[in-house]
Amino acid sequence: METDDLPRVGLLLRDWRQRRKLSQLDLALKADTSTRHLSCVETGRARPSREMVLRLAEHLDVPLRDRNGLLMAAGYAPAYRETPLGSGRMTMVRSALRTMLAGHDPYPAAAIDRIWNVVDGNRAMSVLLDLVPPHLTDSGANVMRLILHPDGLAAQCLNFPEVRAHALGRLLHQVNATGHRDLRELYEEVSAYPPPHDLSPDPGPVDP
């Protein structure tokens, strides 16, 4: 492994620790290691073992996809397999998922990915999507855009300010918990949407 990789995993771990608002002492105690060793890992003076990377990631509640990123930054192979939903290996999973979605009829239900894109839905969800203009679904439906866009379901929502505040709060929490750029960009986009029918919604969460 090149020495240039060492600070990278350390900086990533430090970023996750600070995002979780933990001190080095807090994390060291949780992960059963020393503060000195954790400091050396974060500054690139020590290379963490594979087991240490996974242990720190577990106590930092790092999503599995990002744990793979930490492992690769430290020079190790990914530990978690990522399989597209459309893969042949996922046939049984898709079948079980569609059974659960169908069980929600006549109420809309959808399966979404980590950035709120609809990947599958039941019949009632299809009826709901027919109510919004094509420009919101042509490139794939996104739940946050469907809820908050003035041309979407927002125009038919009687308590839009409350729904908007809840949706933005949920999305902002996800942004702050993961730091993912695509979620941040989605939040910035949908939080800037004007209200439908000249409503003045509650401002909703404000990014500190």
N, C-alpha and C. Protein backbone atom coordinates (compact mmCIF):
# COMPACT_ATOMS: atom_id res chain seq x y z
N MET A 1 0.85 -1.20 0.00
CA MET A 1 0.00 0.00 0.00
C MET A 1 0.87 1.24 0.00
N GLU A 2 0.52 2.24 -0.80
CA GLU A 2 1.29 3.46 -0.84
C GLU A 2 1.06 4.26 0.44
N THR A 3 2.12 4.93 0.88
CA THR A 3 2.00 5.71 2.12
C THR A 3 0.99 6.84 1.98
N ASP A 4 0.75 7.31 0.74
CA ASP A 4 -0.21 8.39 0.54
C ASP A 4 -1.63 7.96 0.93
N ASP A 5 -1.88 6.63 0.97
CA ASP A 5 -3.21 6.14 1.33
C ASP A 5 -3.46 6.24 2.83
N LEU A 6 -2.38 6.28 3.63
CA LEU A 6 -2.55 6.24 5.08
C LEU A 6 -3.35 7.42 5.62
N PRO A 7 -3.00 8.66 5.28
CA PRO A 7 -3.78 9.77 5.82
C PRO A 7 -5.22 9.74 5.35
N ARG A 8 -5.48 9.17 4.16
CA ARG A 8 -6.82 9.20 3.62
C ARG A 8 -7.80 8.45 4.50
N VAL A 9 -7.47 7.23 4.90
CA VAL A 9 -8.38 6.49 5.76
C VAL A 9 -8.49 7.17 7.11
N GLY A 10 -7.40 7.74 7.59
CA GLY A 10 -7.45 8.45 8.87
C GLY A 10 -8.37 9.65 8.82
N LEU A 11 -8.28 10.42 7.72
CA LEU A 11 -9.14 11.59 7.58
C LEU A 11 -10.60 11.19 7.45
N LEU A 12 -10.86 10.09 6.75
CA LEU A 12 -12.24 9.60 6.63
C LEU A 12 -12.80 9.19 7.98
N LEU A 13 -12.00 8.47 8.76
CA LEU A 13 -12.45 8.05 10.08
C LEU A 13 -12.67 9.26 10.99
N ARG A 14 -11.78 10.24 10.91
CA ARG A 14 -11.96 11.45 11.71
C ARG A 14 -13.24 12.19 11.33
N ASP A 15 -13.52 12.22 10.03
CA ASP A 15 -14.72 12.89 9.55
C ASP A 15 -15.97 12.20 10.10
N TRP A 16 -15.99 10.87 10.08
CA TRP A 16 -17.14 10.14 10.63
C TRP A 16 -17.24 10.36 12.14
N ARG A 17 -16.12 10.39 12.84
CA ARG A 17 -16.15 10.60 14.29
C ARG A 17 -16.71 11.98 14.62
N GLN A 18 -16.26 12.98 13.90
CA GLN A 18 -16.75 14.33 14.16
C GLN A 18 -18.22 14.48 13.79
N ARG A 19 -18.62 13.78 12.73
CA ARG A 19 -20.04 13.83 12.35
C ARG A 19 -20.91 13.21 13.44
N ARG A 20 -20.39 12.21 14.12
CA ARG A 20 -21.14 11.57 15.21
C ARG A 20 -20.96 12.30 16.54
N LYS A 21 -20.18 13.40 16.51
CA LYS A 21 -19.96 14.24 17.69
C LYS A 21 -19.34 13.43 18.85
N LEU A 22 -18.35 12.61 18.50
CA LEU A 22 -17.61 11.84 19.49
C LEU A 22 -16.19 12.37 19.60
N SER A 23 -15.66 12.40 20.81
CA SER A 23 -14.26 12.72 20.99
C SER A 23 -13.42 11.48 20.70
N GLN A 24 -12.12 11.66 20.56
CA GLN A 24 -11.25 10.50 20.37
C GLN A 24 -11.35 9.57 21.57
N LEU A 25 -11.47 10.12 22.77
CA LEU A 25 -11.60 9.28 23.96
C LEU A 25 -12.89 8.48 23.93
N ASP A 26 -13.99 9.12 23.54
CA ASP A 26 -15.28 8.42 23.46
C ASP A 26 -15.18 7.22 22.52
N LEU A 27 -14.64 7.47 21.32
CA LEU A 27 -14.57 6.40 20.33
C LEU A 27 -13.58 5.32 20.75
N ALA A 28 -12.45 5.72 21.33
CA ALA A 28 -11.46 4.74 21.77
C ALA A 28 -12.05 3.81 22.82
N LEU A 29 -12.82 4.35 23.74
CA LEU A 29 -13.45 3.52 24.77
C LEU A 29 -14.46 2.56 24.16
N LYS A 30 -15.25 3.04 23.21
CA LYS A 30 -16.24 2.20 22.56
C LYS A 30 -15.59 1.07 21.78
N ALA A 31 -14.49 1.38 21.10
CA ALA A 31 -13.84 0.41 20.22
C ALA A 31 -12.75 -0.39 20.91
N ASP A 32 -12.59 -0.20 22.23
CA ASP A 32 -11.61 -0.95 23.01
C ASP A 32 -10.20 -0.78 22.46
N THR A 33 -9.82 0.47 22.24
CA THR A 33 -8.47 0.78 21.81
C THR A 33 -7.99 1.99 22.59
N SER A 34 -6.77 2.41 22.35
CA SER A 34 -6.23 3.56 23.09
C SER A 34 -6.45 4.84 22.30
N THR A 35 -6.55 5.93 23.03
CA THR A 35 -6.67 7.23 22.37
C THR A 35 -5.43 7.52 21.53
N ARG A 36 -4.28 7.11 22.04
CA ARG A 36 -3.03 7.35 21.30
C ARG A 36 -3.05 6.63 19.96
N HIS A 37 -3.49 5.36 19.96
CA HIS A 37 -3.52 4.62 18.70
C HIS A 37 -4.53 5.23 17.74
N LEU A 38 -5.69 5.62 18.25
CA LEU A 38 -6.70 6.23 17.39
C LEU A 38 -6.17 7.54 16.79
N SER A 39 -5.47 8.31 17.60
CA SER A 39 -4.88 9.56 17.10
C SER A 39 -3.87 9.28 15.99
N CYS A 40 -3.06 8.24 16.18
CA CYS A 40 -2.06 7.89 15.16
C CYS A 40 -2.74 7.42 13.87
N VAL A 41 -3.85 6.72 14.00
CA VAL A 41 -4.59 6.28 12.82
C VAL A 41 -5.14 7.49 12.07
N GLU A 42 -5.74 8.43 12.81
CA GLU A 42 -6.36 9.58 12.17
C GLU A 42 -5.35 10.50 11.51
N THR A 43 -4.16 10.56 12.04
CA THR A 43 -3.13 11.45 11.47
C THR A 43 -2.24 10.74 10.45
N GLY A 44 -2.47 9.42 10.25
CA GLY A 44 -1.71 8.69 9.26
C GLY A 44 -0.39 8.15 9.75
N ARG A 45 -0.13 8.24 11.06
CA ARG A 45 1.13 7.72 11.59
C ARG A 45 1.06 6.22 11.84
N ALA A 46 -0.16 5.66 11.82
CA ALA A 46 -0.31 4.22 12.00
C ALA A 46 -1.35 3.70 11.02
N ARG A 47 -1.10 2.52 10.51
CA ARG A 47 -2.06 1.88 9.61
C ARG A 47 -2.98 0.98 10.43
N PRO A 48 -4.30 1.22 10.38
CA PRO A 48 -5.20 0.36 11.15
C PRO A 48 -5.32 -1.01 10.49
N SER A 49 -5.50 -2.03 11.30
CA SER A 49 -5.75 -3.36 10.76
C SER A 49 -7.15 -3.40 10.15
N ARG A 50 -7.39 -4.41 9.37
CA ARG A 50 -8.73 -4.59 8.79
C ARG A 50 -9.78 -4.66 9.89
N GLU A 51 -9.45 -5.44 10.93
CA GLU A 51 -10.39 -5.60 12.05
C GLU A 51 -10.65 -4.27 12.75
N MET A 52 -9.62 -3.45 12.89
CA MET A 52 -9.78 -2.16 13.54
C MET A 52 -10.67 -1.24 12.72
N VAL A 53 -10.47 -1.23 11.40
CA VAL A 53 -11.31 -0.40 10.53
C VAL A 53 -12.78 -0.79 10.70
N LEU A 54 -13.06 -2.09 10.68
CA LEU A 54 -14.44 -2.56 10.80
C LEU A 54 -15.00 -2.27 12.19
N ARG A 55 -14.17 -2.38 13.21
CA ARG A 55 -14.63 -2.12 14.57
C ARG A 55 -14.97 -0.65 14.75
N LEU A 56 -14.10 0.22 14.26
CA LEU A 56 -14.37 1.65 14.36
C LEU A 56 -15.62 2.02 13.56
N ALA A 57 -15.75 1.44 12.36
CA ALA A 57 -16.92 1.72 11.53
C ALA A 57 -18.20 1.28 12.20
N GLU A 58 -18.14 0.14 12.90
CA GLU A 58 -19.33 -0.37 13.61
C GLU A 58 -19.75 0.61 14.70
N HIS A 59 -18.82 1.10 15.48
CA HIS A 59 -19.15 2.01 16.58
C HIS A 59 -19.49 3.41 16.10
N LEU A 60 -19.09 3.73 14.87
CA LEU A 60 -19.45 5.01 14.28
C LEU A 60 -20.74 4.93 13.47
N ASP A 61 -21.34 3.73 13.43
CA ASP A 61 -22.58 3.51 12.70
C ASP A 61 -22.44 3.95 11.25
N VAL A 62 -21.35 3.54 10.62
CA VAL A 62 -21.09 3.87 9.22
C VAL A 62 -21.88 2.93 8.33
N PRO A 63 -22.62 3.44 7.33
CA PRO A 63 -23.34 2.55 6.40
C PRO A 63 -22.39 1.56 5.74
N LEU A 64 -22.92 0.39 5.37
CA LEU A 64 -22.06 -0.67 4.85
C LEU A 64 -21.31 -0.24 3.59
N ARG A 65 -21.97 0.50 2.70
CA ARG A 65 -21.30 0.95 1.48
C ARG A 65 -20.08 1.80 1.84
N ASP A 66 -20.22 2.65 2.85
CA ASP A 66 -19.11 3.51 3.25
C ASP A 66 -18.05 2.74 4.03
N ARG A 67 -18.45 1.64 4.67
CA ARG A 67 -17.43 0.80 5.32
C ARG A 67 -16.51 0.18 4.26
N ASN A 68 -17.09 -0.20 3.12
CA ASN A 68 -16.25 -0.68 2.03
C ASN A 68 -15.26 0.40 1.61
N GLY A 69 -15.73 1.66 1.55
CA GLY A 69 -14.85 2.76 1.17
C GLY A 69 -13.71 2.94 2.16
N LEU A 70 -14.01 2.79 3.46
CA LEU A 70 -12.96 2.90 4.48
C LEU A 70 -11.94 1.78 4.32
N LEU A 71 -12.42 0.57 4.08
CA LEU A 71 -11.50 -0.56 3.90
C LEU A 71 -10.58 -0.34 2.71
N MET A 72 -11.15 0.10 1.59
CA MET A 72 -10.33 0.31 0.40
C MET A 72 -9.33 1.45 0.60
N ALA A 73 -9.75 2.49 1.35
CA ALA A 73 -8.83 3.58 1.63
C ALA A 73 -7.66 3.13 2.49
N ALA A 74 -7.89 2.07 3.29
CA ALA A 74 -6.83 1.53 4.14
C ALA A 74 -6.02 0.45 3.44
N GLY A 75 -6.40 0.13 2.18
CA GLY A 75 -5.64 -0.86 1.41
C GLY A 75 -6.18 -2.27 1.50
N TYR A 76 -7.43 -2.43 1.95
CA TYR A 76 -8.03 -3.75 2.09
C TYR A 76 -9.17 -3.93 1.10
N ALA A 77 -9.53 -5.19 0.86
CA ALA A 77 -10.63 -5.49 -0.04
C ALA A 77 -11.96 -5.18 0.64
N PRO A 78 -12.99 -4.84 -0.13
CA PRO A 78 -14.31 -4.59 0.45
C PRO A 78 -14.83 -5.83 1.18
N ALA A 79 -15.63 -5.61 2.20
CA ALA A 79 -16.17 -6.72 2.99
C ALA A 79 -17.62 -7.02 2.65
N TYR A 80 -18.31 -6.07 2.01
CA TYR A 80 -19.74 -6.21 1.81
C TYR A 80 -20.06 -6.18 0.32
N ARG A 81 -20.83 -7.16 -0.11
CA ARG A 81 -21.21 -7.27 -1.51
C ARG A 81 -22.38 -6.35 -1.80
N GLU A 82 -22.31 -5.69 -2.97
CA GLU A 82 -23.41 -4.85 -3.42
C GLU A 82 -23.95 -5.44 -4.72
N THR A 83 -25.20 -5.87 -4.70
CA THR A 83 -25.81 -6.53 -5.85
C THR A 83 -27.00 -5.72 -6.34
N PRO A 84 -27.02 -5.33 -7.61
CA PRO A 84 -28.16 -4.57 -8.14
C PRO A 84 -29.46 -5.34 -7.97
N LEU A 85 -30.55 -4.61 -7.71
CA LEU A 85 -31.84 -5.26 -7.50
C LEU A 85 -32.29 -6.04 -8.73
N GLY A 86 -31.87 -5.59 -9.92
CA GLY A 86 -32.28 -6.27 -11.15
C GLY A 86 -31.46 -7.51 -11.46
N SER A 87 -30.45 -7.82 -10.65
CA SER A 87 -29.60 -8.98 -10.90
C SER A 87 -30.37 -10.28 -10.74
N GLY A 88 -29.93 -11.31 -11.47
CA GLY A 88 -30.56 -12.63 -11.36
C GLY A 88 -30.46 -13.20 -9.96
N ARG A 89 -29.42 -12.81 -9.22
CA ARG A 89 -29.26 -13.30 -7.85
C ARG A 89 -30.33 -12.75 -6.91
N MET A 90 -30.99 -11.67 -7.36
CA MET A 90 -31.96 -11.00 -6.49
C MET A 90 -33.40 -11.38 -6.84
N THR A 91 -33.59 -12.44 -7.60
CA THR A 91 -34.94 -12.84 -8.03
C THR A 91 -35.85 -13.08 -6.84
N MET A 92 -35.39 -13.83 -5.86
CA MET A 92 -36.22 -14.13 -4.69
C MET A 92 -36.48 -12.88 -3.86
N VAL A 93 -35.49 -12.00 -3.79
CA VAL A 93 -35.66 -10.75 -3.05
C VAL A 93 -36.71 -9.89 -3.73
N ARG A 94 -36.64 -9.78 -5.06
CA ARG A 94 -37.64 -8.99 -5.80
C ARG A 94 -39.04 -9.56 -5.61
N SER A 95 -39.14 -10.87 -5.64
CA SER A 95 -40.44 -11.51 -5.44
C SER A 95 -41.01 -11.20 -4.06
N ALA A 96 -40.17 -11.30 -3.03
CA ALA A 96 -40.63 -11.01 -1.67
C ALA A 96 -41.00 -9.54 -1.53
N LEU A 97 -40.21 -8.67 -2.17
CA LEU A 97 -40.48 -7.24 -2.10
C LEU A 97 -41.81 -6.90 -2.75
N ARG A 98 -42.09 -7.47 -3.89
CA ARG A 98 -43.34 -7.18 -4.59
C ARG A 98 -44.54 -7.75 -3.84
N THR A 99 -44.35 -8.86 -3.15
CA THR A 99 -45.42 -9.41 -2.32
C THR A 99 -45.76 -8.44 -1.20
N MET A 100 -44.74 -7.86 -0.56
CA MET A 100 -44.98 -6.89 0.51
C MET A 100 -45.65 -5.63 -0.02
N LEU A 101 -45.20 -5.16 -1.19
CA LEU A 101 -45.80 -3.97 -1.77
C LEU A 101 -47.26 -4.20 -2.13
N ALA A 102 -47.54 -5.37 -2.72
CA ALA A 102 -48.92 -5.68 -3.10
C ALA A 102 -49.81 -5.77 -1.88
N GLY A 103 -49.27 -6.19 -0.76
CA GLY A 103 -50.05 -6.30 0.47
C GLY A 103 -50.54 -4.97 0.99
N HIS A 104 -49.96 -3.88 0.51
CA HIS A 104 -50.38 -2.54 0.95
C HIS A 104 -51.54 -1.98 0.14
N ASP A 105 -51.84 -2.60 -1.01
CA ASP A 105 -52.99 -2.14 -1.79
C ASP A 105 -54.25 -2.21 -0.92
N PRO A 106 -55.14 -1.24 -1.00
CA PRO A 106 -55.24 -0.16 -2.00
C PRO A 106 -54.49 1.11 -1.63
N TYR A 107 -53.54 1.04 -0.69
CA TYR A 107 -52.76 2.22 -0.31
C TYR A 107 -51.43 2.23 -1.06
N PRO A 108 -50.95 3.40 -1.48
CA PRO A 108 -49.69 3.46 -2.22
C PRO A 108 -48.51 2.98 -1.36
N ALA A 109 -47.63 2.25 -1.97
CA ALA A 109 -46.41 1.79 -1.30
C ALA A 109 -45.31 1.70 -2.35
N ALA A 110 -44.10 2.06 -1.95
CA ALA A 110 -42.98 2.04 -2.88
C ALA A 110 -41.72 1.60 -2.17
N ALA A 111 -40.83 0.98 -2.93
CA ALA A 111 -39.48 0.68 -2.46
C ALA A 111 -38.57 1.75 -3.04
N ILE A 112 -37.71 2.32 -2.19
CA ILE A 112 -36.84 3.40 -2.64
C ILE A 112 -35.38 3.04 -2.36
N ASP A 113 -34.49 3.70 -3.09
CA ASP A 113 -33.07 3.51 -2.82
C ASP A 113 -32.61 4.55 -1.81
N ARG A 114 -31.31 4.64 -1.58
CA ARG A 114 -30.80 5.48 -0.51
C ARG A 114 -30.96 6.97 -0.78
N ILE A 115 -31.23 7.35 -2.02
CA ILE A 115 -31.44 8.77 -2.32
C ILE A 115 -32.90 9.01 -2.74
N TRP A 116 -33.79 8.16 -2.29
CA TRP A 116 -35.23 8.37 -2.41
C TRP A 116 -35.77 8.17 -3.82
N ASN A 117 -35.04 7.50 -4.69
CA ASN A 117 -35.56 7.16 -6.00
C ASN A 117 -36.45 5.93 -5.88
N VAL A 118 -37.61 5.96 -6.53
CA VAL A 118 -38.53 4.83 -6.50
C VAL A 118 -37.99 3.73 -7.41
N VAL A 119 -37.78 2.55 -6.84
CA VAL A 119 -37.29 1.42 -7.63
C VAL A 119 -38.38 0.40 -7.91
N ASP A 120 -39.46 0.45 -7.16
CA ASP A 120 -40.60 -0.44 -7.40
C ASP A 120 -41.80 0.10 -6.62
N GLY A 121 -42.99 -0.26 -7.04
CA GLY A 121 -44.19 0.20 -6.36
C GLY A 121 -45.37 -0.69 -6.67
N ASN A 122 -46.43 -0.54 -5.87
CA ASN A 122 -47.63 -1.32 -6.11
C ASN A 122 -48.56 -0.59 -7.08
N ARG A 123 -49.74 -1.18 -7.33
CA ARG A 123 -50.67 -0.58 -8.29
C ARG A 123 -51.16 0.79 -7.82
N ALA A 124 -51.41 0.91 -6.53
CA ALA A 124 -51.88 2.20 -6.01
C ALA A 124 -50.81 3.28 -6.20
N MET A 125 -49.55 2.91 -6.10
CA MET A 125 -48.47 3.87 -6.33
C MET A 125 -48.47 4.32 -7.78
N SER A 126 -48.75 3.40 -8.70
CA SER A 126 -48.82 3.74 -10.12
C SER A 126 -49.93 4.74 -10.38
N VAL A 127 -51.08 4.56 -9.71
CA VAL A 127 -52.19 5.50 -9.85
C VAL A 127 -51.78 6.88 -9.32
N LEU A 128 -51.06 6.89 -8.19
CA LEU A 128 -50.60 8.14 -7.61
C LEU A 128 -49.64 8.87 -8.55
N LEU A 129 -48.75 8.13 -9.19
CA LEU A 129 -47.78 8.74 -10.10
C LEU A 129 -48.46 9.31 -11.33
N ASP A 130 -49.63 8.76 -11.69
CA ASP A 130 -50.36 9.29 -12.84
C ASP A 130 -50.90 10.69 -12.57
N LEU A 131 -50.93 11.10 -11.31
CA LEU A 131 -51.46 12.42 -10.96
C LEU A 131 -50.44 13.54 -11.15
N VAL A 132 -49.17 13.19 -11.34
CA VAL A 132 -48.12 14.22 -11.46
C VAL A 132 -47.69 14.33 -12.91
N PRO A 133 -47.21 15.50 -13.33
CA PRO A 133 -46.81 15.68 -14.72
C PRO A 133 -45.60 14.81 -15.09
N PRO A 134 -45.48 14.47 -16.36
CA PRO A 134 -44.40 13.57 -16.80
C PRO A 134 -43.00 14.05 -16.47
N HIS A 135 -42.79 15.37 -16.42
CA HIS A 135 -41.42 15.85 -16.20
C HIS A 135 -40.89 15.47 -14.82
N LEU A 136 -41.77 15.04 -13.91
CA LEU A 136 -41.32 14.59 -12.59
C LEU A 136 -41.07 13.09 -12.53
N THR A 137 -41.41 12.38 -13.59
CA THR A 137 -41.25 10.92 -13.57
C THR A 137 -40.49 10.38 -14.78
N ASP A 138 -40.30 11.20 -15.82
CA ASP A 138 -39.68 10.69 -17.05
C ASP A 138 -38.30 10.11 -16.80
N SER A 139 -37.52 10.73 -15.93
CA SER A 139 -36.16 10.22 -15.66
C SER A 139 -36.11 9.40 -14.37
N GLY A 140 -37.28 8.97 -13.90
CA GLY A 140 -37.36 8.19 -12.67
C GLY A 140 -37.95 9.03 -11.55
N ALA A 141 -38.90 8.46 -10.85
CA ALA A 141 -39.59 9.19 -9.77
C ALA A 141 -38.72 9.23 -8.53
N ASN A 142 -38.68 10.39 -7.89
CA ASN A 142 -37.99 10.57 -6.63
C ASN A 142 -39.01 11.04 -5.60
N VAL A 143 -39.08 10.35 -4.47
CA VAL A 143 -40.13 10.62 -3.49
C VAL A 143 -40.09 12.07 -3.00
N MET A 144 -38.90 12.59 -2.73
CA MET A 144 -38.80 13.95 -2.22
C MET A 144 -39.27 14.97 -3.25
N ARG A 145 -38.93 14.75 -4.51
CA ARG A 145 -39.40 15.66 -5.55
C ARG A 145 -40.92 15.53 -5.72
N LEU A 146 -41.44 14.32 -5.67
CA LEU A 146 -42.88 14.11 -5.81
C LEU A 146 -43.64 14.84 -4.71
N ILE A 147 -43.12 14.79 -3.49
CA ILE A 147 -43.82 15.39 -2.35
C ILE A 147 -43.72 16.91 -2.36
N LEU A 148 -42.54 17.45 -2.70
CA LEU A 148 -42.26 18.86 -2.46
C LEU A 148 -42.34 19.75 -3.69
N HIS A 149 -42.27 19.19 -4.89
CA HIS A 149 -42.32 20.03 -6.08
C HIS A 149 -43.71 20.64 -6.22
N PRO A 150 -43.80 21.93 -6.54
CA PRO A 150 -45.11 22.57 -6.65
C PRO A 150 -46.00 21.97 -7.73
N ASP A 151 -45.39 21.29 -8.73
CA ASP A 151 -46.18 20.63 -9.76
C ASP A 151 -46.55 19.20 -9.37
N GLY A 152 -46.02 18.74 -8.24
CA GLY A 152 -46.25 17.36 -7.82
C GLY A 152 -47.41 17.21 -6.85
N LEU A 153 -47.22 16.34 -5.88
CA LEU A 153 -48.29 16.05 -4.93
C LEU A 153 -48.51 17.18 -3.94
N ALA A 154 -47.55 18.10 -3.84
CA ALA A 154 -47.69 19.23 -2.92
C ALA A 154 -48.96 20.01 -3.20
N ALA A 155 -49.31 20.14 -4.49
CA ALA A 155 -50.48 20.93 -4.86
C ALA A 155 -51.78 20.30 -4.36
N GLN A 156 -51.75 19.02 -4.00
CA GLN A 156 -52.95 18.33 -3.55
C GLN A 156 -52.92 18.02 -2.06
N CYS A 157 -51.95 18.58 -1.37
CA CYS A 157 -51.75 18.28 0.05
C CYS A 157 -52.39 19.38 0.91
N LEU A 158 -53.33 19.01 1.78
CA LEU A 158 -54.04 19.98 2.60
C LEU A 158 -53.17 20.53 3.73
N ASN A 159 -52.22 19.74 4.20
CA ASN A 159 -51.34 20.19 5.29
C ASN A 159 -49.89 20.25 4.81
N PHE A 160 -49.71 20.91 3.66
CA PHE A 160 -48.39 20.94 3.04
C PHE A 160 -47.28 21.47 3.94
N PRO A 161 -47.50 22.55 4.72
CA PRO A 161 -46.39 23.03 5.57
C PRO A 161 -45.88 21.96 6.52
N GLU A 162 -46.79 21.19 7.13
CA GLU A 162 -46.36 20.14 8.06
C GLU A 162 -45.64 19.02 7.32
N VAL A 163 -46.17 18.62 6.15
CA VAL A 163 -45.54 17.56 5.36
C VAL A 163 -44.16 18.01 4.89
N ARG A 164 -44.05 19.27 4.45
CA ARG A 164 -42.78 19.79 3.99
C ARG A 164 -41.74 19.78 5.11
N ALA A 165 -42.13 20.26 6.29
CA ALA A 165 -41.20 20.30 7.41
C ALA A 165 -40.73 18.89 7.79
N HIS A 166 -41.66 17.93 7.77
CA HIS A 166 -41.29 16.55 8.12
C HIS A 166 -40.35 15.96 7.08
N ALA A 167 -40.67 16.14 5.79
CA ALA A 167 -39.85 15.56 4.72
C ALA A 167 -38.45 16.17 4.72
N LEU A 168 -38.36 17.50 4.84
CA LEU A 168 -37.05 18.14 4.86
C LEU A 168 -36.25 17.77 6.11
N GLY A 169 -36.94 17.62 7.24
CA GLY A 169 -36.25 17.21 8.46
C GLY A 169 -35.66 15.82 8.32
N ARG A 170 -36.43 14.91 7.73
CA ARG A 170 -35.94 13.54 7.51
C ARG A 170 -34.73 13.54 6.57
N LEU A 171 -34.84 14.32 5.49
CA LEU A 171 -33.75 14.35 4.52
C LEU A 171 -32.50 15.02 5.10
N LEU A 172 -32.69 16.10 5.85
CA LEU A 172 -31.54 16.78 6.45
C LEU A 172 -30.84 15.90 7.47
N HIS A 173 -31.61 15.14 8.25
CA HIS A 173 -31.01 14.21 9.20
C HIS A 173 -30.14 13.20 8.45
N GLN A 174 -30.62 12.71 7.32
CA GLN A 174 -29.86 11.75 6.52
C GLN A 174 -28.59 12.39 5.96
N VAL A 175 -28.71 13.64 5.52
CA VAL A 175 -27.54 14.36 5.01
C VAL A 175 -26.47 14.48 6.09
N ASN A 176 -26.88 14.91 7.27
CA ASN A 176 -25.93 15.11 8.36
C ASN A 176 -25.35 13.80 8.88
N ALA A 177 -26.14 12.73 8.79
CA ALA A 177 -25.67 11.43 9.29
C ALA A 177 -24.67 10.77 8.35
N THR A 178 -24.78 11.05 7.04
CA THR A 178 -23.94 10.36 6.07
C THR A 178 -22.92 11.26 5.39
N GLY A 179 -23.27 12.55 5.25
CA GLY A 179 -22.37 13.45 4.53
C GLY A 179 -22.31 13.20 3.04
N HIS A 180 -23.24 12.43 2.49
CA HIS A 180 -23.20 12.10 1.08
C HIS A 180 -23.57 13.31 0.22
N ARG A 181 -22.76 13.55 -0.80
CA ARG A 181 -22.97 14.72 -1.65
C ARG A 181 -24.29 14.65 -2.40
N ASP A 182 -24.67 13.45 -2.89
CA ASP A 182 -25.91 13.36 -3.67
C ASP A 182 -27.13 13.68 -2.81
N LEU A 183 -27.09 13.32 -1.54
CA LEU A 183 -28.19 13.66 -0.64
C LEU A 183 -28.19 15.16 -0.34
N ARG A 184 -27.01 15.73 -0.16
CA ARG A 184 -26.91 17.17 0.07
C ARG A 184 -27.47 17.94 -1.12
N GLU A 185 -27.12 17.51 -2.34
CA GLU A 185 -27.62 18.19 -3.53
C GLU A 185 -29.14 18.05 -3.64
N LEU A 186 -29.67 16.88 -3.29
CA LEU A 186 -31.11 16.69 -3.32
C LEU A 186 -31.78 17.61 -2.30
N TYR A 187 -31.21 17.71 -1.09
CA TYR A 187 -31.79 18.58 -0.08
C TYR A 187 -31.79 20.04 -0.54
N GLU A 188 -30.67 20.49 -1.11
CA GLU A 188 -30.59 21.87 -1.57
C GLU A 188 -31.61 22.15 -2.67
N GLU A 189 -31.83 21.15 -3.52
CA GLU A 189 -32.80 21.32 -4.61
C GLU A 189 -34.23 21.42 -4.08
N VAL A 190 -34.65 20.42 -3.30
CA VAL A 190 -36.06 20.37 -2.90
C VAL A 190 -36.40 21.42 -1.84
N SER A 191 -35.43 21.83 -1.02
CA SER A 191 -35.71 22.84 -0.01
C SER A 191 -35.90 24.22 -0.65
N ALA A 192 -35.46 24.37 -1.90
CA ALA A 192 -35.59 25.64 -2.60
C ALA A 192 -36.87 25.72 -3.43
N TYR A 193 -37.64 24.63 -3.49
CA TYR A 193 -38.88 24.66 -4.27
C TYR A 193 -39.84 25.70 -3.70
N PRO A 194 -40.51 26.46 -4.55
CA PRO A 194 -41.55 27.38 -4.05
C PRO A 194 -42.79 26.59 -3.64
N PRO A 195 -43.61 27.13 -2.74
CA PRO A 195 -44.82 26.43 -2.34
C PRO A 195 -45.87 26.47 -3.44
N PRO A 196 -46.76 25.50 -3.48
CA PRO A 196 -47.82 25.51 -4.49
C PRO A 196 -48.92 26.49 -4.12
N HIS A 197 -49.57 27.01 -5.14
CA HIS A 197 -50.75 27.87 -4.94
C HIS A 197 -50.48 29.03 -4.00
N ASP A 198 -49.27 29.59 -4.07
CA ASP A 198 -48.94 30.76 -3.25
C ASP A 198 -49.04 30.51 -1.75
N LEU A 199 -48.96 29.24 -1.34
CA LEU A 199 -48.92 28.97 0.10
C LEU A 199 -47.58 29.40 0.64
N SER A 200 -47.54 29.74 1.90
CA SER A 200 -46.27 30.08 2.56
C SER A 200 -45.98 29.04 3.61
N PRO A 201 -45.23 27.99 3.26
CA PRO A 201 -44.99 26.91 4.20
C PRO A 201 -44.08 27.32 5.31
N ASP A 202 -44.09 26.54 6.38
CA ASP A 202 -43.12 26.73 7.44
C ASP A 202 -41.73 26.60 6.84
N PRO A 203 -40.76 27.33 7.35
CA PRO A 203 -39.43 27.28 6.74
C PRO A 203 -38.79 25.92 6.77
N GLY A 204 -39.18 25.06 7.68
CA GLY A 204 -38.59 23.74 7.77
C GLY A 204 -37.19 23.80 8.34
N PRO A 205 -36.49 22.67 8.34
CA PRO A 205 -35.15 22.62 8.93
C PRO A 205 -34.18 23.53 8.19
N VAL A 206 -33.33 24.16 8.96
CA VAL A 206 -32.29 24.99 8.39
C VAL A 206 -30.95 24.35 8.68
N ASP A 207 -30.16 24.16 7.65
CA ASP A 207 -28.86 23.52 7.82
C ASP A 207 -27.98 24.42 8.67
N PRO A 208 -27.49 23.93 9.82
CA PRO A 208 -26.68 24.77 10.69
C PRO A 208 -25.35 25.12 10.05
